[in-house]
Amino acid sequence: MKLHTLKPAEGSTKTNKRLGRGQGSGGSTAGRGHKGAQSRSGYHKKFGFEGGQMPLQRRIPKFGFKSLNRVEYKAINLDALEALAQKTNATSINVQLMIDNGIVGKNDLVKVLGRGELKAKVNVEAHAFSATAAKAIETVGGSATTVK
């Protein structure tokens, strides 16, 4: 096998039909059929149009609700805080320390959740705490401070 002898497998490639390029390209209608909107230039089908059949977005019922005032928090569990405390030997963990260590993004609001076990006595600053997380932090001897 040589590079200059390589070619695609038999039947794997085909040339597109060149339509609308005179009589030699498939007759006078250029593959568009006779009359109607689709045969004319400038035709544009509406998005979601299904040929007159009731479109999918209208067949399916509406349900649910999206609150405009929802606050999205990045969840951080106690086991992640324990790992961070051991890694950095910090007595105080704030949002900036989490950002610097790549745990959260710089625009994230942080909520501390109660999964895992916290052994280190640390003061934690975050935007929100679950009740179990705040209790676990204070049980070890640290403090859970909410920041804005």
Protein backbone atom coordinates (compact mmCIF):
# COMPACT_ATOMS: atom_id res chain seq x y z
CA MET A 1 0.00 0.00 0.00
CA LYS A 2 1.31 3.43 -0.96
CA LEU A 3 0.00 6.89 -0.16
CA HIS A 4 -0.61 7.76 -3.78
CA THR A 5 -2.79 4.68 -4.27
CA LEU A 6 -5.17 5.34 -1.35
CA LYS A 7 -8.80 6.06 -2.21
CA PRO A 8 -12.16 5.75 -0.40
CA ALA A 9 -13.98 2.42 -0.27
CA GLU A 10 -16.22 1.56 -3.18
CA GLY A 11 -19.64 3.21 -2.77
CA SER A 12 -18.70 5.23 0.30
CA THR A 13 -18.67 8.58 -1.48
CA LYS A 14 -21.12 10.08 -3.90
CA THR A 15 -21.41 13.44 -5.62
CA ASN A 16 -24.30 15.75 -4.73
CA LYS A 17 -26.92 16.55 -7.33
CA ARG A 18 -26.13 20.00 -8.82
CA LEU A 19 -29.61 21.44 -9.03
CA GLY A 20 -30.73 24.68 -10.64
CA ARG A 21 -27.86 24.85 -13.13
CA GLY A 22 -29.63 24.59 -16.47
CA GLN A 23 -31.20 21.76 -18.45
CA GLY A 24 -28.36 19.33 -17.86
CA SER A 25 -28.98 19.23 -14.14
CA GLY A 26 -32.28 17.40 -14.10
CA GLY A 27 -34.90 19.22 -16.10
CA SER A 28 -36.69 22.51 -15.91
CA THR A 29 -37.82 22.38 -12.28
CA ALA A 30 -34.32 21.76 -10.88
CA GLY A 31 -35.52 19.04 -8.50
CA ARG A 32 -38.07 21.31 -6.79
CA GLY A 33 -41.22 19.86 -8.35
CA HIS A 34 -43.96 21.98 -9.94
CA LYS A 35 -45.51 25.11 -8.38
CA GLY A 36 -46.04 25.84 -4.69
CA ALA A 37 -43.99 27.76 -2.13
CA GLN A 38 -41.16 25.23 -2.03
CA SER A 39 -40.52 25.63 -5.73
CA ARG A 40 -40.02 29.37 -5.46
CA SER A 41 -36.96 31.29 -4.32
CA GLY A 42 -37.12 32.90 -0.89
CA TYR A 43 -39.21 30.07 0.57
CA HIS A 44 -38.65 29.54 4.28
CA LYS A 45 -40.46 26.94 6.35
CA LYS A 46 -41.51 28.03 9.85
CA PHE A 47 -39.42 26.52 12.64
CA GLY A 48 -41.21 23.47 14.03
CA PHE A 49 -43.66 23.28 11.10
CA GLU A 50 -44.80 19.70 10.51
CA GLY A 51 -46.78 20.05 7.30
CA GLY A 52 -50.02 21.14 8.98
CA GLN A 53 -49.94 18.37 11.59
CA MET A 54 -50.20 19.74 15.15
CA PRO A 55 -46.55 20.50 16.03
CA LEU A 56 -44.80 18.73 18.88
CA GLN A 57 -44.46 21.87 21.00
CA ARG A 58 -48.26 22.32 20.88
CA ARG A 59 -49.16 18.63 21.35
CA ILE A 60 -47.32 18.36 24.66
CA PRO A 61 -49.04 19.96 27.66
CA LYS A 62 -47.51 22.86 29.57
CA PHE A 63 -46.44 22.18 33.14
CA GLY A 64 -44.00 23.36 35.78
CA PHE A 65 -42.73 26.69 36.98
CA LYS A 66 -39.36 28.45 36.91
CA SER A 67 -38.81 31.04 39.62
CA LEU A 68 -37.17 34.25 38.42
CA ASN A 69 -35.74 34.82 41.89
CA ARG A 70 -34.06 31.42 42.35
CA VAL A 71 -30.62 31.55 43.98
CA GLU A 72 -28.23 28.89 42.68
CA TYR A 73 -25.62 27.66 45.18
CA LYS A 74 -22.52 25.54 44.59
CA ALA A 75 -22.76 22.69 47.10
CA ILE A 76 -19.63 21.88 49.11
CA ASN A 77 -19.73 18.98 51.57
CA LEU A 78 -17.89 18.60 54.86
CA ASP A 79 -15.59 15.93 53.45
CA ALA A 80 -14.34 18.42 50.85
CA LEU A 81 -13.71 20.98 53.60
CA GLU A 82 -11.82 18.35 55.62
CA ALA A 83 -9.61 17.56 52.62
CA LEU A 84 -9.00 21.29 52.06
CA ALA A 85 -8.14 21.85 55.73
CA GLN A 86 -5.60 19.00 55.68
CA LYS A 87 -4.11 20.16 52.37
CA THR A 88 -3.64 23.81 53.35
CA ASN A 89 -3.33 23.46 57.17
CA ALA A 90 -5.68 26.43 57.43
CA THR A 91 -7.60 27.28 60.61
CA SER A 92 -10.01 29.44 58.66
CA ILE A 93 -11.67 28.46 55.38
CA ASN A 94 -13.32 31.24 53.41
CA VAL A 95 -14.71 31.53 49.90
CA GLN A 96 -11.47 33.01 48.53
CA LEU A 97 -9.47 30.00 49.78
CA MET A 98 -11.94 27.66 48.02
CA ILE A 99 -11.60 29.69 44.79
CA ASP A 100 -7.78 29.60 45.01
CA ASN A 101 -7.84 25.80 45.40
CA GLY A 102 -10.23 25.29 42.50
CA ILE A 103 -13.15 23.95 44.52
CA VAL A 104 -15.56 26.68 43.41
CA GLY A 105 -15.64 29.29 40.66
CA LYS A 106 -15.13 32.98 41.38
CA ASN A 107 -18.79 33.83 40.70
CA ASP A 108 -20.29 30.90 42.65
CA LEU A 109 -22.35 31.26 45.80
CA VAL A 110 -21.20 28.55 48.23
CA LYS A 111 -23.47 26.43 50.42
CA VAL A 112 -21.90 23.99 52.87
CA LEU A 113 -23.75 20.68 53.19
CA GLY A 114 -23.43 17.99 55.85
CA ARG A 115 -22.14 14.89 54.01
CA GLY A 116 -18.93 13.45 55.37
CA GLU A 117 -17.09 14.08 58.61
CA LEU A 118 -15.14 17.13 59.69
CA LYS A 119 -12.30 16.43 62.15
CA ALA A 120 -10.32 19.68 61.90
CA LYS A 121 -11.30 22.66 64.05
CA VAL A 122 -11.85 25.33 61.39
CA ASN A 123 -13.80 28.55 61.07
CA VAL A 124 -15.81 28.34 57.84
CA GLU A 125 -17.17 31.32 55.94
CA ALA A 126 -19.73 30.65 53.19
CA HIS A 127 -22.89 32.15 51.72
CA ALA A 128 -25.17 29.50 53.26
CA PHE A 129 -25.07 26.43 55.52
CA SER A 130 -27.37 23.48 55.98
CA ALA A 131 -28.43 22.84 59.57
CA THR A 132 -26.47 19.57 59.79
CA ALA A 133 -23.31 21.19 58.39
CA ALA A 134 -23.43 24.13 60.82
CA LYS A 135 -24.01 21.73 63.73
CA ALA A 136 -21.11 19.46 62.65
CA ILE A 137 -18.71 22.42 62.32
CA GLU A 138 -19.65 23.76 65.77
CA THR A 139 -19.47 20.29 67.36
CA VAL A 140 -15.78 20.04 66.36
CA GLY A 141 -15.14 23.48 67.86
CA GLY A 142 -15.18 25.68 64.75
CA SER A 143 -17.59 28.36 63.69
CA ALA A 144 -19.93 28.66 60.71
CA THR A 145 -20.17 32.29 59.54
CA THR A 146 -22.54 33.40 56.82
CA VAL A 147 -21.19 36.04 54.43
CA LYS A 148 -23.05 38.09 51.85
